[in-house]
Amino acid sequence: KTIFFISHSLNQVREFCKTGMWIEGGELVEFGDIDEVCDHYSQYVDEYNAKSEKEKKQIRDEKFEKRLIKKNEKQSLLKKIFK
């Protein structure tokens, strides 16, 4: 059986899981051994938290922008769906 356990608590994740999936901004960043994924995620969080508020906002805005569907892409997608 597969159980999806979603959490930001690295201690709980390490205790409960053998394999980890790190998703950031809607994109898969890493999949693999739980200790490796948690170590890389922890390093990312430390680096992110060390940034200025302006830098953090820029990172968030860039990730959000990637998630938006552009108008021409949306029209193309709608055409594919409603053929």
PDB file of N, CA and C in Angstrom:
ATOM      1  N   LYS A   1       0.832  -1.175   0.000  1.00  0.00           N
ATOM      2  CA  LYS A   1       0.000   0.000   0.000  1.00  0.00           C
ATOM      3  C   LYS A   1       0.873   1.234   0.000  1.00  0.00           C
ATOM      4  N   THR A   2       0.333   2.277  -0.538  1.00  0.00           N
ATOM      5  CA  THR A   2       1.016   3.566  -0.551  1.00  0.00           C
ATOM      6  C   THR A   2       0.201   4.566   0.246  1.00  0.00           C
ATOM      7  N   ILE A   3       0.864   5.282   1.117  1.00  0.00           N
ATOM      8  CA  ILE A   3       0.224   6.332   1.901  1.00  0.00           C
ATOM      9  C   ILE A   3       0.952   7.631   1.600  1.00  0.00           C
ATOM     10  N   PHE A   4       0.203   8.661   1.249  1.00  0.00           N
ATOM     11  CA  PHE A   4       0.795   9.982   1.055  1.00  0.00           C
ATOM     12  C   PHE A   4       0.708  10.730   2.373  1.00  0.00           C
ATOM     13  N   PHE A   5       1.860  11.070   2.914  1.00  0.00           N
ATOM     14  CA  PHE A   5       1.953  11.800   4.174  1.00  0.00           C
ATOM     15  C   PHE A   5       2.526  13.167   3.834  1.00  0.00           C
ATOM     16  N   ILE A   6       1.725  14.188   3.989  1.00  0.00           N
ATOM     17  CA  ILE A   6       2.134  15.536   3.602  1.00  0.00           C
ATOM     18  C   ILE A   6       2.393  16.349   4.857  1.00  0.00           C
ATOM     19  N   SER A   7       3.609  16.883   4.958  1.00  0.00           N
ATOM     20  CA  SER A   7       3.965  17.629   6.153  1.00  0.00           C
ATOM     21  C   SER A   7       5.206  18.469   5.894  1.00  0.00           C
ATOM     22  N   HIS A   8       5.369  19.509   6.707  1.00  0.00           N
ATOM     23  CA  HIS A   8       6.599  20.289   6.705  1.00  0.00           C
ATOM     24  C   HIS A   8       7.461  19.932   7.914  1.00  0.00           C
ATOM     25  N   SER A   9       6.967  19.021   8.741  1.00  0.00           N
ATOM     26  CA  SER A   9       7.711  18.585   9.916  1.00  0.00           C
ATOM     27  C   SER A   9       8.715  17.510   9.492  1.00  0.00           C
ATOM     28  N   LEU A  10       9.958  17.917   9.318  1.00  0.00           N
ATOM     29  CA  LEU A  10      10.967  16.981   8.828  1.00  0.00           C
ATOM     30  C   LEU A  10      11.200  15.822   9.786  1.00  0.00           C
ATOM     31  N   ASN A  11      11.089  16.067  11.076  1.00  0.00           N
ATOM     32  CA  ASN A  11      11.263  14.972  12.040  1.00  0.00           C
ATOM     33  C   ASN A  11      10.205  13.899  11.842  1.00  0.00           C
ATOM     34  N   GLN A  12       8.946  14.309  11.705  1.00  0.00           N
ATOM     35  CA  GLN A  12       7.877  13.342  11.480  1.00  0.00           C
ATOM     36  C   GLN A  12       8.052  12.623  10.150  1.00  0.00           C
ATOM     37  N   VAL A  13       8.408  13.358   9.125  1.00  0.00           N
ATOM     38  CA  VAL A  13       8.583  12.768   7.797  1.00  0.00           C
ATOM     39  C   VAL A  13       9.695  11.729   7.824  1.00  0.00           C
ATOM     40  N   ARG A  14      10.803  12.066   8.463  1.00  0.00           N
ATOM     41  CA  ARG A  14      11.930  11.121   8.537  1.00  0.00           C
ATOM     42  C   ARG A  14      11.546   9.844   9.290  1.00  0.00           C
ATOM     43  N   GLU A  15      10.746   9.991  10.340  1.00  0.00           N
ATOM     44  CA  GLU A  15      10.346   8.823  11.136  1.00  0.00           C
ATOM     45  C   GLU A  15       9.344   7.935  10.404  1.00  0.00           C
ATOM     46  N   PHE A  16       8.477   8.541   9.626  1.00  0.00           N
ATOM     47  CA  PHE A  16       7.346   7.830   9.051  1.00  0.00           C
ATOM     48  C   PHE A  16       7.609   7.295   7.633  1.00  0.00           C
ATOM     49  N   CYS A  17       8.512   7.921   6.911  1.00  0.00           N
ATOM     50  CA  CYS A  17       8.658   7.629   5.473  1.00  0.00           C
ATOM     51  C   CYS A  17      10.028   7.062   5.121  1.00  0.00           C
ATOM     52  N   LYS A  18      10.058   6.322   4.016  1.00  0.00           N
ATOM     53  CA  LYS A  18      11.312   5.820   3.446  1.00  0.00           C
ATOM     54  C   LYS A  18      11.673   6.586   2.182  1.00  0.00           C
ATOM     55  N   THR A  19      10.658   7.074   1.492  1.00  0.00           N
ATOM     56  CA  THR A  19      10.839   7.791   0.243  1.00  0.00           C
ATOM     57  C   THR A  19      10.175   9.152   0.364  1.00  0.00           C
ATOM     58  N   GLY A  20      10.805  10.161  -0.210  1.00  0.00           N
ATOM     59  CA  GLY A  20      10.260  11.509  -0.119  1.00  0.00           C
ATOM     60  C   GLY A  20      10.084  12.149  -1.478  1.00  0.00           C
ATOM     61  N   MET A  21       9.123  13.056  -1.530  1.00  0.00           N
ATOM     62  CA  MET A  21       8.855  13.830  -2.731  1.00  0.00           C
ATOM     63  C   MET A  21       8.759  15.291  -2.303  1.00  0.00           C
ATOM     64  N   TRP A  22       9.625  16.113  -2.845  1.00  0.00           N
ATOM     65  CA  TRP A  22       9.630  17.535  -2.518  1.00  0.00           C
ATOM     66  C   TRP A  22       9.027  18.271  -3.700  1.00  0.00           C
ATOM     67  N   ILE A  23       7.902  18.937  -3.437  1.00  0.00           N
ATOM     68  CA  ILE A  23       7.227  19.726  -4.466  1.00  0.00           C
ATOM     69  C   ILE A  23       7.294  21.185  -4.045  1.00  0.00           C
ATOM     70  N   GLU A  24       7.783  22.012  -4.927  1.00  0.00           N
ATOM     71  CA  GLU A  24       7.958  23.437  -4.637  1.00  0.00           C
ATOM     72  C   GLU A  24       7.328  24.247  -5.758  1.00  0.00           C
ATOM     73  N   GLY A  25       6.403  25.110  -5.412  1.00  0.00           N
ATOM     74  CA  GLY A  25       5.784  25.956  -6.425  1.00  0.00           C
ATOM     75  C   GLY A  25       5.068  25.153  -7.500  1.00  0.00           C
ATOM     76  N   GLY A  26       4.537  24.000  -7.116  1.00  0.00           N
ATOM     77  CA  GLY A  26       3.811  23.172  -8.065  1.00  0.00           C
ATOM     78  C   GLY A  26       4.683  22.306  -8.949  1.00  0.00           C
ATOM     79  N   GLU A  27       5.976  22.298  -8.714  1.00  0.00           N
ATOM     80  CA  GLU A  27       6.904  21.500  -9.525  1.00  0.00           C
ATOM     81  C   GLU A  27       7.662  20.505  -8.648  1.00  0.00           C
ATOM     82  N   LEU A  28       7.888  19.328  -9.207  1.00  0.00           N
ATOM     83  CA  LEU A  28       8.666  18.314  -8.500  1.00  0.00           C
ATOM     84  C   LEU A  28      10.133  18.735  -8.490  1.00  0.00           C
ATOM     85  N   VAL A  29      10.682  18.886  -7.299  1.00  0.00           N
ATOM     86  CA  VAL A  29      12.088  19.272  -7.148  1.00  0.00           C
ATOM     87  C   VAL A  29      12.954  18.033  -6.987  1.00  0.00           C
ATOM     88  N   GLU A  30      12.484  17.102  -6.146  1.00  0.00           N
ATOM     89  CA  GLU A  30      13.304  15.920  -5.872  1.00  0.00           C
ATOM     90  C   GLU A  30      12.413  14.770  -5.409  1.00  0.00           C
ATOM     91  N   PHE A  31      12.838  13.564  -5.767  1.00  0.00           N
ATOM     92  CA  PHE A  31      12.150  12.341  -5.362  1.00  0.00           C
ATOM     93  C   PHE A  31      13.215  11.320  -5.051  1.00  0.00           C
ATOM     94  N   GLY A  32      13.136  10.698  -3.876  1.00  0.00           N
ATOM     95  CA  GLY A  32      14.139   9.690  -3.551  1.00  0.00           C
ATOM     96  C   GLY A  32      14.182   9.370  -2.072  1.00  0.00           C
ATOM     97  N   ASP A  33      15.345   8.905  -1.642  1.00  0.00           N
ATOM     98  CA  ASP A  33      15.572   8.538  -0.248  1.00  0.00           C
ATOM     99  C   ASP A  33      15.161   9.681   0.674  1.00  0.00           C
ATOM    100  N   ILE A  34      14.389   9.360   1.700  1.00  0.00           N
ATOM    101  CA  ILE A  34      13.811  10.388   2.563  1.00  0.00           C
ATOM    102  C   ILE A  34      14.873  11.258   3.233  1.00  0.00           C
ATOM    103  N   ASP A  35      15.971  10.670   3.664  1.00  0.00           N
ATOM    104  CA  ASP A  35      16.999  11.475   4.331  1.00  0.00           C
ATOM    105  C   ASP A  35      17.644  12.465   3.373  1.00  0.00           C
ATOM    106  N   GLU A  36      17.898  12.043   2.149  1.00  0.00           N
ATOM    107  CA  GLU A  36      18.494  12.950   1.155  1.00  0.00           C
ATOM    108  C   GLU A  36      17.540  14.081   0.810  1.00  0.00           C
ATOM    109  N   VAL A  37      16.288  13.739   0.576  1.00  0.00           N
ATOM    110  CA  VAL A  37      15.302  14.765   0.222  1.00  0.00           C
ATOM    111  C   VAL A  37      15.133  15.746   1.378  1.00  0.00           C
ATOM    112  N   CYS A  38      15.015  15.241   2.597  1.00  0.00           N
ATOM    113  CA  CYS A  38      14.863  16.119   3.762  1.00  0.00           C
ATOM    114  C   CYS A  38      16.086  17.006   3.969  1.00  0.00           C
ATOM    115  N   ASP A  39      17.276  16.450   3.782  1.00  0.00           N
ATOM    116  CA  ASP A  39      18.497  17.246   3.930  1.00  0.00           C
ATOM    117  C   ASP A  39      18.528  18.386   2.918  1.00  0.00           C
ATOM    118  N   HIS A  40      18.176  18.087   1.660  1.00  0.00           N
ATOM    119  CA  HIS A  40      18.190  19.108   0.607  1.00  0.00           C
ATOM    120  C   HIS A  40      17.100  20.155   0.853  1.00  0.00           C
ATOM    121  N   TYR A  41      15.925  19.701   1.281  1.00  0.00           N
ATOM    122  CA  TYR A  41      14.841  20.635   1.591  1.00  0.00           C
ATOM    123  C   TYR A  41      15.235  21.543   2.759  1.00  0.00           C
ATOM    124  N   SER A  42      15.815  20.970   3.785  1.00  0.00           N
ATOM    125  CA  SER A  42      16.239  21.745   4.950  1.00  0.00           C
ATOM    126  C   SER A  42      17.271  22.803   4.563  1.00  0.00           C
ATOM    127  N   GLN A  43      18.207  22.417   3.711  1.00  0.00           N
ATOM    128  CA  GLN A  43      19.219  23.365   3.236  1.00  0.00           C
ATOM    129  C   GLN A  43      18.550  24.500   2.449  1.00  0.00           C
ATOM    130  N   TYR A  44      17.590  24.142   1.595  1.00  0.00           N
ATOM    131  CA  TYR A  44      16.859  25.149   0.821  1.00  0.00           C
ATOM    132  C   TYR A  44      16.136  26.132   1.754  1.00  0.00           C
ATOM    133  N   VAL A  45      15.454  25.610   2.767  1.00  0.00           N
ATOM    134  CA  VAL A  45      14.717  26.461   3.696  1.00  0.00           C
ATOM    135  C   VAL A  45      15.668  27.400   4.435  1.00  0.00           C
ATOM    136  N   ASP A  46      16.801  26.885   4.879  1.00  0.00           N
ATOM    137  CA  ASP A  46      17.792  27.729   5.571  1.00  0.00           C
ATOM    138  C   ASP A  46      18.285  28.854   4.652  1.00  0.00           C
ATOM    139  N   GLU A  47      18.582  28.506   3.406  1.00  0.00           N
ATOM    140  CA  GLU A  47      19.051  29.512   2.446  1.00  0.00           C
ATOM    141  C   GLU A  47      17.954  30.535   2.145  1.00  0.00           C
ATOM    142  N   TYR A  48      16.729  30.061   1.992  1.00  0.00           N
ATOM    143  CA  TYR A  48      15.595  30.961   1.721  1.00  0.00           C
ATOM    144  C   TYR A  48      15.391  31.918   2.896  1.00  0.00           C
ATOM    145  N   ASN A  49      15.404  31.386   4.112  1.00  0.00           N
ATOM    146  CA  ASN A  49      15.172  32.216   5.297  1.00  0.00           C
ATOM    147  C   ASN A  49      16.278  33.241   5.526  1.00  0.00           C
ATOM    148  N   ALA A  50      17.461  32.998   4.990  1.00  0.00           N
ATOM    149  CA  ALA A  50      18.575  33.932   5.149  1.00  0.00           C
ATOM    150  C   ALA A  50      18.464  35.115   4.181  1.00  0.00           C
ATOM    151  N   LYS A  51      17.561  35.029   3.226  1.00  0.00           N
ATOM    152  CA  LYS A  51      17.409  36.091   2.226  1.00  0.00           C
ATOM    153  C   LYS A  51      16.620  37.262   2.803  1.00  0.00           C
ATOM    154  N   SER A  52      16.755  38.406   2.158  1.00  0.00           N
ATOM    155  CA  SER A  52      15.988  39.589   2.557  1.00  0.00           C
ATOM    156  C   SER A  52      14.525  39.401   2.159  1.00  0.00           C
ATOM    157  N   GLU A  53      13.656  40.212   2.735  1.00  0.00           N
ATOM    158  CA  GLU A  53      12.232  40.132   2.395  1.00  0.00           C
ATOM    159  C   GLU A  53      12.008  40.432   0.915  1.00  0.00           C
ATOM    160  N   LYS A  54      12.800  41.345   0.376  1.00  0.00           N
ATOM    161  CA  LYS A  54      12.681  41.684  -1.047  1.00  0.00           C
ATOM    162  C   LYS A  54      13.049  40.484  -1.925  1.00  0.00           C
ATOM    163  N   GLU A  55      14.118  39.783  -1.559  1.00  0.00           N
ATOM    164  CA  GLU A  55      14.535  38.600  -2.314  1.00  0.00           C
ATOM    165  C   GLU A  55      13.491  37.483  -2.197  1.00  0.00           C
ATOM    166  N   LYS A  56      12.950  37.307  -0.999  1.00  0.00           N
ATOM    167  CA  LYS A  56      11.924  36.284  -0.800  1.00  0.00           C
ATOM    168  C   LYS A  56      10.693  36.582  -1.654  1.00  0.00           C
ATOM    169  N   LYS A  57      10.276  37.841  -1.683  1.00  0.00           N
ATOM    170  CA  LYS A  57       9.117  38.223  -2.475  1.00  0.00           C
ATOM    171  C   LYS A  57       9.366  37.947  -3.956  1.00  0.00           C
ATOM    172  N   GLN A  58      10.566  38.245  -4.426  1.00  0.00           N
ATOM    173  CA  GLN A  58      10.895  38.004  -5.826  1.00  0.00           C
ATOM    174  C   GLN A  58      10.810  36.500  -6.156  1.00  0.00           C
ATOM    175  N   ILE A  59      11.320  35.668  -5.275  1.00  0.00           N
ATOM    176  CA  ILE A  59      11.259  34.209  -5.468  1.00  0.00           C
ATOM    177  C   ILE A  59       9.807  33.742  -5.506  1.00  0.00           C
ATOM    178  N   ARG A  60       9.005  34.214  -4.546  1.00  0.00           N
ATOM    179  CA  ARG A  60       7.588  33.831  -4.514  1.00  0.00           C
ATOM    180  C   ARG A  60       6.866  34.290  -5.773  1.00  0.00           C
ATOM    181  N   ASP A  61       7.124  35.521  -6.193  1.00  0.00           N
ATOM    182  CA  ASP A  61       6.472  36.057  -7.389  1.00  0.00           C
ATOM    183  C   ASP A  61       6.845  35.263  -8.637  1.00  0.00           C
ATOM    184  N   GLU A  62       8.119  34.869  -8.753  1.00  0.00           N
ATOM    185  CA  GLU A  62       8.560  34.082  -9.912  1.00  0.00           C
ATOM    186  C   GLU A  62       7.882  32.715  -9.926  1.00  0.00           C
ATOM    187  N   LYS A  63       7.771  32.095  -8.768  1.00  0.00           N
ATOM    188  CA  LYS A  63       7.108  30.783  -8.696  1.00  0.00           C
ATOM    189  C   LYS A  63       5.625  30.918  -9.025  1.00  0.00           C
ATOM    190  N   PHE A  64       4.990  31.970  -8.530  1.00  0.00           N
ATOM    191  CA  PHE A  64       3.576  32.185  -8.807  1.00  0.00           C
ATOM    192  C   PHE A  64       3.356  32.441 -10.298  1.00  0.00           C
ATOM    193  N   GLU A  65       4.217  33.223 -10.895  1.00  0.00           N
ATOM    194  CA  GLU A  65       4.097  33.549 -12.321  1.00  0.00           C
ATOM    195  C   GLU A  65       4.171  32.284 -13.178  1.00  0.00           C
ATOM    196  N   LYS A  66       5.037  31.349 -12.808  1.00  0.00           N
ATOM    197  CA  LYS A  66       5.164  30.086 -13.547  1.00  0.00           C
ATOM    198  C   LYS A  66       3.873  29.275 -13.503  1.00  0.00           C
ATOM    199  N   ARG A  67       3.125  29.420 -12.415  1.00  0.00           N
ATOM    200  CA  ARG A  67       1.922  28.616 -12.221  1.00  0.00           C
ATOM    201  C   ARG A  67       0.728  29.160 -13.007  1.00  0.00           C
ATOM    202  N   LEU A  68       0.805  30.413 -13.434  1.00  0.00           N
ATOM    203  CA  LEU A  68      -0.305  31.009 -14.168  1.00  0.00           C
ATOM    204  C   LEU A  68      -0.340  30.491 -15.596  1.00  0.00           C
ATOM    205  N   ILE A  69      -1.534  30.277 -16.082  1.00  0.00           N
ATOM    206  CA  ILE A  69      -1.701  29.872 -17.475  1.00  0.00           C
ATOM    207  C   ILE A  69      -1.874  31.145 -18.296  1.00  0.00           C
ATOM    208  N   LYS A  70      -1.005  31.340 -19.267  1.00  0.00           N
ATOM    209  CA  LYS A  70      -1.059  32.516 -20.133  1.00  0.00           C
ATOM    210  C   LYS A  70      -2.329  32.463 -20.976  1.00  0.00           C
ATOM    211  N   LYS A  71      -2.806  33.623 -21.402  1.00  0.00           N
ATOM    212  CA  LYS A  71      -4.067  33.705 -22.132  1.00  0.00           C
ATOM    213  C   LYS A  71      -4.066  32.815 -23.377  1.00  0.00           C
ATOM    214  N   ASN A  72      -2.999  32.880 -24.169  1.00  0.00           N
ATOM    215  CA  ASN A  72      -2.958  32.064 -25.387  1.00  0.00           C
ATOM    216  C   ASN A  72      -2.878  30.572 -25.057  1.00  0.00           C
ATOM    217  N   GLU A  73      -2.207  30.218 -23.976  1.00  0.00           N
ATOM    218  CA  GLU A  73      -2.140  28.817 -23.549  1.00  0.00           C
ATOM    219  C   GLU A  73      -3.501  28.349 -23.051  1.00  0.00           C
ATOM    220  N   LYS A  74      -4.219  29.235 -22.361  1.00  0.00           N
ATOM    221  CA  LYS A  74      -5.533  28.904 -21.837  1.00  0.00           C
ATOM    222  C   LYS A  74      -6.502  28.632 -22.988  1.00  0.00           C
ATOM    223  N   GLN A  75      -6.470  29.484 -24.011  1.00  0.00           N
ATOM    224  CA  GLN A  75      -7.352  29.295 -25.163  1.00  0.00           C
ATOM    225  C   GLN A  75      -7.036  27.986 -25.868  1.00  0.00           C
ATOM    226  N   SER A  76      -5.757  27.673 -26.020  1.00  0.00           N
ATOM    227  CA  SER A  76      -5.345  26.425 -26.661  1.00  0.00           C
ATOM    228  C   SER A  76      -5.810  25.227 -25.838  1.00  0.00           C
ATOM    229  N   LEU A  77      -5.679  25.317 -24.540  1.00  0.00           N
ATOM    230  CA  LEU A  77      -6.105  24.241 -23.658  1.00  0.00           C
ATOM    231  C   LEU A  77      -7.613  24.041 -23.743  1.00  0.00           C
ATOM    232  N   LEU A  78      -8.363  25.140 -23.737  1.00  0.00           N
ATOM    233  CA  LEU A  78      -9.813  25.040 -23.841  1.00  0.00           C
ATOM    234  C   LEU A  78     -10.240  24.401 -25.157  1.00  0.00           C
ATOM    235  N   LYS A  79      -9.546  24.736 -26.237  1.00  0.00           N
ATOM    236  CA  LYS A  79      -9.863  24.126 -27.532  1.00  0.00           C
ATOM    237  C   LYS A  79      -9.633  22.626 -27.492  1.00  0.00           C
ATOM    238  N   LYS A  80      -8.557  22.196 -26.855  1.00  0.00           N
ATOM    239  CA  LYS A  80      -8.263  20.769 -26.747  1.00  0.00           C
ATOM    240  C   LYS A  80      -9.321  20.046 -25.914  1.00  0.00           C
ATOM    241  N   ILE A  81      -9.769  20.688 -24.858  1.00  0.00           N
ATOM    242  CA  ILE A  81     -10.746  20.074 -23.957  1.00  0.00           C
ATOM    243  C   ILE A  81     -12.117  19.951 -24.623  1.00  0.00           C
ATOM    244  N   PHE A  82     -12.524  21.023 -25.311  1.00  0.00           N
ATOM    245  CA  PHE A  82     -13.890  21.081 -25.841  1.00  0.00           C
ATOM    246  C   PHE A  82     -13.961  20.818 -27.336  1.00  0.00           C
ATOM    247  N   LYS A  83     -13.088  19.967 -27.856  1.00  0.00           N
ATOM    248  CA  LYS A  83     -13.118  19.599 -29.279  1.00  0.00           C
ATOM    249  C   LYS A  83     -14.375  18.865 -29.601  1.00  0.00           C
TER     250      LYS A  83
END
